[in-house]
N, C-alpha and C. Protein backbone atom coordinates (compact mmCIF):
# COMPACT_ATOMS: atom_id res chain seq x y z
N MET A 1 -50.35 -1.68 -17.99
CA MET A 1 -50.28 -3.05 -17.50
C MET A 1 -51.66 -3.50 -17.05
N SER A 2 -51.90 -4.77 -17.13
CA SER A 2 -53.19 -5.33 -16.71
C SER A 2 -53.22 -5.52 -15.20
N ALA A 3 -54.40 -5.81 -14.68
CA ALA A 3 -54.54 -6.10 -13.25
C ALA A 3 -53.68 -7.31 -12.87
N ILE A 4 -53.62 -8.30 -13.76
CA ILE A 4 -52.81 -9.50 -13.49
C ILE A 4 -51.33 -9.12 -13.41
N ASP A 5 -50.87 -8.27 -14.34
CA ASP A 5 -49.47 -7.82 -14.32
C ASP A 5 -49.17 -7.02 -13.06
N ASN A 6 -50.08 -6.14 -12.68
CA ASN A 6 -49.88 -5.32 -11.48
C ASN A 6 -49.83 -6.19 -10.23
N LYS A 7 -50.72 -7.19 -10.17
CA LYS A 7 -50.74 -8.10 -9.02
C LYS A 7 -49.43 -8.89 -8.95
N LYS A 8 -48.95 -9.37 -10.09
CA LYS A 8 -47.69 -10.13 -10.13
C LYS A 8 -46.52 -9.26 -9.68
N LEU A 9 -46.49 -8.01 -10.12
CA LEU A 9 -45.44 -7.09 -9.69
C LEU A 9 -45.45 -6.93 -8.18
N MET A 10 -46.62 -6.72 -7.60
CA MET A 10 -46.70 -6.55 -6.15
C MET A 10 -46.34 -7.84 -5.41
N GLN A 11 -46.69 -8.99 -5.98
CA GLN A 11 -46.28 -10.26 -5.38
C GLN A 11 -44.76 -10.40 -5.39
N ASP A 12 -44.13 -9.99 -6.48
CA ASP A 12 -42.67 -10.03 -6.55
C ASP A 12 -42.04 -9.07 -5.55
N ILE A 13 -42.60 -7.88 -5.43
CA ILE A 13 -42.09 -6.90 -4.47
C ILE A 13 -42.20 -7.44 -3.05
N PHE A 14 -43.35 -8.01 -2.71
CA PHE A 14 -43.53 -8.51 -1.34
C PHE A 14 -42.75 -9.80 -1.09
N ALA A 15 -42.41 -10.54 -2.12
CA ALA A 15 -41.51 -11.68 -1.93
C ALA A 15 -40.16 -11.16 -1.46
N GLY A 16 -39.71 -10.06 -2.03
CA GLY A 16 -38.47 -9.44 -1.57
C GLY A 16 -38.60 -8.90 -0.16
N LEU A 17 -39.70 -8.20 0.12
CA LEU A 17 -39.90 -7.61 1.45
C LEU A 17 -39.98 -8.68 2.54
N ALA A 18 -40.49 -9.86 2.20
CA ALA A 18 -40.54 -10.96 3.17
C ALA A 18 -39.14 -11.44 3.53
N ASN A 19 -38.17 -11.16 2.65
CA ASN A 19 -36.77 -11.52 2.88
C ASN A 19 -35.90 -10.31 3.22
N ARG A 20 -36.57 -9.24 3.69
CA ARG A 20 -35.89 -8.00 4.09
C ARG A 20 -35.15 -7.32 2.94
N ASP A 21 -35.66 -7.50 1.72
CA ASP A 21 -35.04 -6.89 0.54
C ASP A 21 -36.06 -5.98 -0.14
N GLY A 22 -35.86 -4.67 0.01
CA GLY A 22 -36.76 -3.69 -0.58
C GLY A 22 -36.28 -3.12 -1.90
N THR A 23 -35.30 -3.77 -2.51
CA THR A 23 -34.70 -3.24 -3.74
C THR A 23 -35.74 -3.04 -4.84
N LEU A 24 -36.53 -4.07 -5.15
CA LEU A 24 -37.52 -3.96 -6.22
C LEU A 24 -38.57 -2.92 -5.88
N PHE A 25 -38.97 -2.85 -4.61
CA PHE A 25 -39.95 -1.86 -4.19
C PHE A 25 -39.42 -0.45 -4.47
N THR A 26 -38.20 -0.18 -4.07
CA THR A 26 -37.60 1.13 -4.29
C THR A 26 -37.45 1.42 -5.79
N GLU A 27 -37.01 0.43 -6.54
CA GLU A 27 -36.85 0.61 -7.99
C GLU A 27 -38.17 0.94 -8.68
N ARG A 28 -39.26 0.38 -8.20
CA ARG A 28 -40.55 0.56 -8.86
C ARG A 28 -41.34 1.76 -8.36
N MET A 29 -40.81 2.49 -7.38
CA MET A 29 -41.45 3.73 -6.95
C MET A 29 -41.28 4.78 -8.05
N ALA A 30 -42.36 5.41 -8.45
CA ALA A 30 -42.27 6.54 -9.38
C ALA A 30 -41.57 7.69 -8.66
N ASP A 31 -40.95 8.58 -9.43
CA ASP A 31 -40.29 9.73 -8.80
C ASP A 31 -41.27 10.58 -8.01
N ASP A 32 -42.54 10.64 -8.47
CA ASP A 32 -43.57 11.41 -7.76
C ASP A 32 -44.44 10.52 -6.87
N PHE A 33 -43.86 9.41 -6.42
CA PHE A 33 -44.54 8.46 -5.54
C PHE A 33 -45.08 9.17 -4.29
N ARG A 34 -46.25 8.76 -3.85
CA ARG A 34 -46.87 9.33 -2.65
C ARG A 34 -47.22 8.18 -1.69
N TRP A 35 -46.87 8.37 -0.41
CA TRP A 35 -47.22 7.40 0.64
C TRP A 35 -48.11 8.13 1.63
N ILE A 36 -49.30 7.57 1.85
CA ILE A 36 -50.25 8.14 2.79
C ILE A 36 -50.38 7.19 3.98
N ASN A 37 -50.02 7.67 5.16
CA ASN A 37 -50.20 6.92 6.41
C ASN A 37 -51.41 7.51 7.11
N ILE A 38 -52.43 6.69 7.31
CA ILE A 38 -53.63 7.17 7.97
C ILE A 38 -53.34 7.44 9.45
N GLY A 39 -54.24 8.14 10.09
CA GLY A 39 -54.14 8.35 11.53
C GLY A 39 -53.71 9.75 11.90
N THR A 40 -53.45 9.90 13.21
CA THR A 40 -53.11 11.22 13.74
C THR A 40 -51.86 11.19 14.61
N ASN A 41 -51.06 10.13 14.51
CA ASN A 41 -49.84 10.11 15.32
C ASN A 41 -48.69 10.76 14.56
N LYS A 42 -47.51 10.77 15.13
CA LYS A 42 -46.37 11.47 14.52
C LYS A 42 -45.85 10.79 13.26
N TRP A 43 -46.24 9.55 13.00
CA TRP A 43 -45.85 8.84 11.79
C TRP A 43 -46.90 9.01 10.69
N SER A 44 -48.05 9.56 11.04
CA SER A 44 -49.14 9.74 10.08
C SER A 44 -48.84 10.92 9.16
N GLY A 45 -49.47 10.88 8.01
CA GLY A 45 -49.33 12.00 7.09
C GLY A 45 -49.15 11.54 5.67
N THR A 46 -48.92 12.51 4.80
CA THR A 46 -48.69 12.25 3.38
C THR A 46 -47.26 12.62 3.06
N PHE A 47 -46.56 11.70 2.43
CA PHE A 47 -45.17 11.90 2.05
C PHE A 47 -45.13 11.93 0.52
N ASP A 48 -44.79 13.07 -0.03
CA ASP A 48 -44.82 13.28 -1.48
C ASP A 48 -43.43 13.23 -2.09
N GLY A 49 -43.26 12.33 -3.06
CA GLY A 49 -42.00 12.19 -3.78
C GLY A 49 -41.18 11.03 -3.23
N LYS A 50 -40.57 10.29 -4.13
CA LYS A 50 -39.77 9.12 -3.76
C LYS A 50 -38.69 9.48 -2.74
N GLU A 51 -37.97 10.56 -2.99
CA GLU A 51 -36.89 10.93 -2.07
C GLU A 51 -37.43 11.29 -0.68
N ALA A 52 -38.57 11.97 -0.62
CA ALA A 52 -39.18 12.31 0.68
C ALA A 52 -39.62 11.05 1.42
N VAL A 53 -40.18 10.09 0.70
CA VAL A 53 -40.59 8.83 1.32
C VAL A 53 -39.38 8.12 1.90
N LEU A 54 -38.32 8.03 1.11
CA LEU A 54 -37.12 7.33 1.58
C LEU A 54 -36.47 8.05 2.76
N ARG A 55 -36.43 9.36 2.70
CA ARG A 55 -35.75 10.16 3.74
C ARG A 55 -36.61 10.34 4.99
N ASP A 56 -37.88 10.73 4.81
CA ASP A 56 -38.70 11.18 5.94
C ASP A 56 -39.57 10.10 6.57
N LEU A 57 -39.79 9.00 5.87
CA LEU A 57 -40.61 7.91 6.41
C LEU A 57 -39.78 6.64 6.59
N LEU A 58 -39.23 6.14 5.52
CA LEU A 58 -38.51 4.87 5.61
C LEU A 58 -37.16 5.01 6.31
N GLY A 59 -36.51 6.16 6.19
CA GLY A 59 -35.25 6.39 6.91
C GLY A 59 -35.43 6.32 8.42
N PRO A 60 -36.37 7.08 8.99
CA PRO A 60 -36.60 6.98 10.43
C PRO A 60 -37.06 5.58 10.88
N LEU A 61 -37.86 4.91 10.04
CA LEU A 61 -38.28 3.54 10.37
C LEU A 61 -37.05 2.65 10.46
N ARG A 62 -36.18 2.76 9.48
CA ARG A 62 -34.95 1.95 9.48
C ARG A 62 -34.10 2.26 10.71
N GLY A 63 -34.11 3.51 11.15
CA GLY A 63 -33.37 3.88 12.34
C GLY A 63 -33.91 3.24 13.61
N ARG A 64 -35.17 2.90 13.61
CA ARG A 64 -35.81 2.28 14.78
C ARG A 64 -35.65 0.76 14.82
N LEU A 65 -35.49 0.13 13.66
CA LEU A 65 -35.50 -1.33 13.60
C LEU A 65 -34.10 -1.93 13.70
N MET A 66 -34.04 -3.11 14.29
CA MET A 66 -32.78 -3.84 14.46
C MET A 66 -32.20 -4.26 13.11
N ALA A 67 -33.06 -4.66 12.20
CA ALA A 67 -32.64 -5.10 10.87
C ALA A 67 -33.57 -4.46 9.85
N ARG A 68 -33.29 -4.66 8.58
CA ARG A 68 -34.19 -4.14 7.55
C ARG A 68 -35.59 -4.68 7.79
N SER A 69 -36.56 -3.88 7.44
CA SER A 69 -37.96 -4.21 7.67
C SER A 69 -38.36 -5.50 6.94
N ARG A 70 -39.17 -6.31 7.61
CA ARG A 70 -39.72 -7.53 7.01
C ARG A 70 -41.24 -7.41 7.04
N THR A 71 -41.85 -7.51 5.88
CA THR A 71 -43.30 -7.48 5.76
C THR A 71 -43.74 -8.64 4.89
N VAL A 72 -44.60 -9.48 5.44
CA VAL A 72 -45.03 -10.70 4.75
C VAL A 72 -46.48 -10.53 4.32
N ALA A 73 -46.71 -10.63 3.02
CA ALA A 73 -48.06 -10.49 2.47
C ALA A 73 -48.82 -11.81 2.57
N HIS A 74 -50.14 -11.68 2.79
CA HIS A 74 -51.00 -12.86 2.89
C HIS A 74 -52.04 -12.92 1.78
N ARG A 75 -52.47 -11.76 1.29
CA ARG A 75 -53.48 -11.71 0.24
C ARG A 75 -53.21 -10.55 -0.70
N PHE A 76 -53.55 -10.78 -1.95
CA PHE A 76 -53.45 -9.75 -2.98
C PHE A 76 -54.77 -9.70 -3.73
N PHE A 77 -55.29 -8.51 -3.92
CA PHE A 77 -56.49 -8.29 -4.71
C PHE A 77 -56.16 -7.22 -5.75
N ALA A 78 -56.48 -7.48 -7.01
CA ALA A 78 -56.15 -6.52 -8.06
C ALA A 78 -57.39 -6.15 -8.86
N ASP A 79 -57.47 -4.87 -9.19
CA ASP A 79 -58.53 -4.34 -10.03
C ASP A 79 -57.94 -3.19 -10.83
N GLY A 80 -57.67 -3.43 -12.09
CA GLY A 80 -57.09 -2.39 -12.93
C GLY A 80 -55.74 -1.94 -12.41
N ASP A 81 -55.61 -0.65 -12.15
CA ASP A 81 -54.35 -0.07 -11.68
C ASP A 81 -54.18 -0.14 -10.17
N HIS A 82 -55.10 -0.79 -9.48
CA HIS A 82 -55.03 -0.87 -8.02
C HIS A 82 -54.78 -2.31 -7.55
N VAL A 83 -53.90 -2.42 -6.56
CA VAL A 83 -53.64 -3.71 -5.92
C VAL A 83 -53.73 -3.50 -4.42
N ILE A 84 -54.53 -4.31 -3.77
CA ILE A 84 -54.67 -4.28 -2.31
C ILE A 84 -53.89 -5.45 -1.75
N VAL A 85 -53.07 -5.16 -0.74
CA VAL A 85 -52.22 -6.18 -0.13
C VAL A 85 -52.48 -6.21 1.37
N GLU A 86 -52.86 -7.39 1.87
CA GLU A 86 -52.94 -7.60 3.32
C GLU A 86 -51.61 -8.23 3.74
N ALA A 87 -51.01 -7.68 4.80
CA ALA A 87 -49.69 -8.13 5.20
C ALA A 87 -49.49 -7.98 6.70
N ARG A 88 -48.42 -8.59 7.17
CA ARG A 88 -48.05 -8.48 8.58
C ARG A 88 -46.55 -8.27 8.67
N GLY A 89 -46.16 -7.35 9.54
CA GLY A 89 -44.75 -7.11 9.79
C GLY A 89 -44.18 -8.15 10.74
N ASP A 90 -42.89 -8.33 10.68
CA ASP A 90 -42.16 -9.25 11.56
C ASP A 90 -40.83 -8.57 11.88
N ASN A 91 -40.87 -7.67 12.88
CA ASN A 91 -39.72 -6.81 13.12
C ASN A 91 -39.44 -6.65 14.61
N LEU A 92 -38.21 -6.26 14.89
CA LEU A 92 -37.76 -6.01 16.25
C LEU A 92 -37.06 -4.65 16.26
N THR A 93 -37.41 -3.83 17.24
CA THR A 93 -36.77 -2.52 17.34
C THR A 93 -35.39 -2.66 17.98
N ARG A 94 -34.61 -1.61 17.86
CA ARG A 94 -33.26 -1.61 18.43
C ARG A 94 -33.28 -1.75 19.95
N ASP A 95 -34.41 -1.37 20.58
CA ASP A 95 -34.50 -1.54 22.03
C ASP A 95 -35.26 -2.81 22.42
N GLY A 96 -35.40 -3.76 21.48
CA GLY A 96 -35.92 -5.08 21.79
C GLY A 96 -37.43 -5.25 21.78
N LYS A 97 -38.16 -4.25 21.31
CA LYS A 97 -39.62 -4.37 21.25
C LYS A 97 -40.06 -5.00 19.93
N ALA A 98 -41.06 -5.88 20.02
CA ALA A 98 -41.63 -6.47 18.80
C ALA A 98 -42.46 -5.41 18.09
N TYR A 99 -42.26 -5.30 16.79
CA TYR A 99 -43.08 -4.42 15.97
C TYR A 99 -43.63 -5.26 14.82
N ASN A 100 -44.79 -5.85 15.07
CA ASN A 100 -45.41 -6.78 14.13
C ASN A 100 -46.80 -6.29 13.76
N ASN A 101 -46.85 -5.18 13.07
CA ASN A 101 -48.12 -4.54 12.72
C ASN A 101 -48.85 -5.33 11.65
N GLU A 102 -50.16 -5.17 11.62
CA GLU A 102 -51.02 -5.71 10.56
C GLU A 102 -51.29 -4.57 9.60
N TYR A 103 -51.22 -4.85 8.29
CA TYR A 103 -51.38 -3.81 7.29
C TYR A 103 -52.40 -4.17 6.23
N CYS A 104 -53.02 -3.13 5.72
CA CYS A 104 -53.75 -3.22 4.47
C CYS A 104 -53.23 -2.06 3.64
N PHE A 105 -52.55 -2.39 2.55
CA PHE A 105 -51.98 -1.39 1.65
C PHE A 105 -52.83 -1.32 0.39
N VAL A 106 -53.15 -0.13 -0.05
CA VAL A 106 -53.84 0.07 -1.32
C VAL A 106 -52.85 0.78 -2.24
N PHE A 107 -52.37 0.05 -3.23
CA PHE A 107 -51.39 0.57 -4.18
C PHE A 107 -52.07 1.02 -5.46
N CYS A 108 -51.59 2.11 -6.02
CA CYS A 108 -52.02 2.58 -7.34
C CYS A 108 -50.78 2.55 -8.23
N LEU A 109 -50.89 1.86 -9.36
CA LEU A 109 -49.76 1.71 -10.27
C LEU A 109 -50.08 2.31 -11.62
N SER A 110 -49.03 2.67 -12.34
CA SER A 110 -49.16 3.17 -13.70
C SER A 110 -47.92 2.79 -14.48
N GLU A 111 -48.10 2.06 -15.55
CA GLU A 111 -47.01 1.66 -16.44
C GLU A 111 -45.85 1.00 -15.69
N GLY A 112 -46.18 0.12 -14.76
CA GLY A 112 -45.16 -0.62 -14.03
C GLY A 112 -44.49 0.12 -12.89
N LYS A 113 -44.97 1.30 -12.58
CA LYS A 113 -44.42 2.09 -11.47
C LYS A 113 -45.49 2.27 -10.39
N ILE A 114 -45.06 2.31 -9.16
CA ILE A 114 -45.98 2.56 -8.04
C ILE A 114 -46.11 4.07 -7.90
N LYS A 115 -47.33 4.55 -8.04
CA LYS A 115 -47.60 5.99 -7.95
C LYS A 115 -48.00 6.40 -6.54
N GLU A 116 -48.71 5.49 -5.84
CA GLU A 116 -49.22 5.85 -4.52
C GLU A 116 -49.50 4.59 -3.72
N VAL A 117 -49.34 4.71 -2.41
CA VAL A 117 -49.80 3.69 -1.49
C VAL A 117 -50.49 4.38 -0.32
N LYS A 118 -51.61 3.82 0.07
CA LYS A 118 -52.31 4.27 1.28
C LYS A 118 -52.22 3.12 2.26
N GLU A 119 -51.65 3.41 3.42
CA GLU A 119 -51.40 2.38 4.43
C GLU A 119 -52.42 2.48 5.56
N TYR A 120 -53.10 1.37 5.80
CA TYR A 120 -54.00 1.23 6.94
C TYR A 120 -53.33 0.25 7.91
N SER A 121 -53.17 0.67 9.16
CA SER A 121 -52.49 -0.17 10.13
C SER A 121 -52.91 0.23 11.54
N ASP A 122 -52.36 -0.46 12.53
CA ASP A 122 -52.63 -0.16 13.93
C ASP A 122 -51.78 1.04 14.33
N THR A 123 -52.37 2.21 14.26
CA THR A 123 -51.62 3.44 14.53
C THR A 123 -51.22 3.57 16.00
N ALA A 124 -52.01 2.99 16.90
CA ALA A 124 -51.64 3.02 18.32
C ALA A 124 -50.37 2.20 18.54
N LEU A 125 -50.26 1.07 17.85
CA LEU A 125 -49.05 0.25 17.96
C LEU A 125 -47.84 1.00 17.41
N ILE A 126 -48.02 1.69 16.30
CA ILE A 126 -46.91 2.46 15.72
C ILE A 126 -46.38 3.45 16.75
N GLU A 127 -47.27 4.21 17.34
CA GLU A 127 -46.86 5.24 18.30
C GLU A 127 -46.24 4.62 19.55
N ALA A 128 -46.84 3.53 20.05
CA ALA A 128 -46.35 2.90 21.28
C ALA A 128 -44.97 2.27 21.09
N VAL A 129 -44.73 1.67 19.94
CA VAL A 129 -43.48 0.94 19.74
C VAL A 129 -42.41 1.79 19.06
N LEU A 130 -42.80 2.58 18.08
CA LEU A 130 -41.80 3.33 17.31
C LEU A 130 -41.51 4.71 17.86
N GLY A 131 -42.41 5.25 18.68
CA GLY A 131 -42.17 6.57 19.27
C GLY A 131 -42.20 7.68 18.24
N ASP A 132 -41.33 8.66 18.43
CA ASP A 132 -41.29 9.85 17.59
C ASP A 132 -40.30 9.65 16.45
N PRO A 133 -40.76 9.80 15.18
CA PRO A 133 -39.82 9.61 14.07
C PRO A 133 -38.67 10.61 14.07
N ALA A 134 -38.87 11.79 14.62
CA ALA A 134 -37.80 12.78 14.66
C ALA A 134 -36.62 12.27 15.48
N GLU A 135 -36.89 11.49 16.51
CA GLU A 135 -35.82 10.93 17.34
C GLU A 135 -35.07 9.82 16.63
N ALA A 136 -35.69 9.22 15.61
CA ALA A 136 -35.06 8.13 14.88
C ALA A 136 -34.15 8.62 13.77
N VAL A 137 -34.28 9.88 13.37
CA VAL A 137 -33.53 10.39 12.22
C VAL A 137 -32.03 10.24 12.43
N ALA A 138 -31.53 10.54 13.61
CA ALA A 138 -30.10 10.46 13.86
C ALA A 138 -29.58 9.02 13.75
N ALA A 139 -30.44 8.07 14.09
CA ALA A 139 -30.03 6.66 14.04
C ALA A 139 -30.29 6.03 12.68
N ALA A 140 -30.97 6.74 11.80
CA ALA A 140 -31.36 6.17 10.51
C ALA A 140 -30.14 5.89 9.64
N MET A 141 -30.25 4.75 8.94
CA MET A 141 -29.23 4.40 7.96
C MET A 141 -29.89 4.43 6.60
N PRO A 142 -29.13 4.54 5.52
CA PRO A 142 -29.74 4.57 4.19
C PRO A 142 -30.62 3.35 3.95
N VAL A 143 -31.75 3.56 3.28
CA VAL A 143 -32.72 2.50 3.04
C VAL A 143 -32.35 1.68 1.81
N ARG A 144 -31.60 2.22 0.93
CA ARG A 144 -31.32 1.57 -0.36
C ARG A 144 -30.53 0.36 -0.22
């Protein structure tokens, strides 16, 4: 796919995410998808494989939030197989805390599938508002 096609795909995915619908995002994750969260807090790390991302990262996140995650993109930059997305979250935790992080996502795509994302965000905010992901596992609901 061209840079234009990759950018359009990510715009479509984020249109869904702005409406709390991650269906297209999940569908377009490659089976060997990798999510890299920068930083050194308990949410940081590398999550390898679509199922691991859904179970170990997005599942605990879903357990912390009042509703499905909402992320609104503001800018898209595309170069070949890479698309950079600047976005902002608009979320509320189950205990009433605002979780409105600022993000810069660097996506790597191949043949219409997302192979990797590297997430840059306010890691101090993640830790302060979301706490320990292990504590969220019990409250997590399926992400699909």
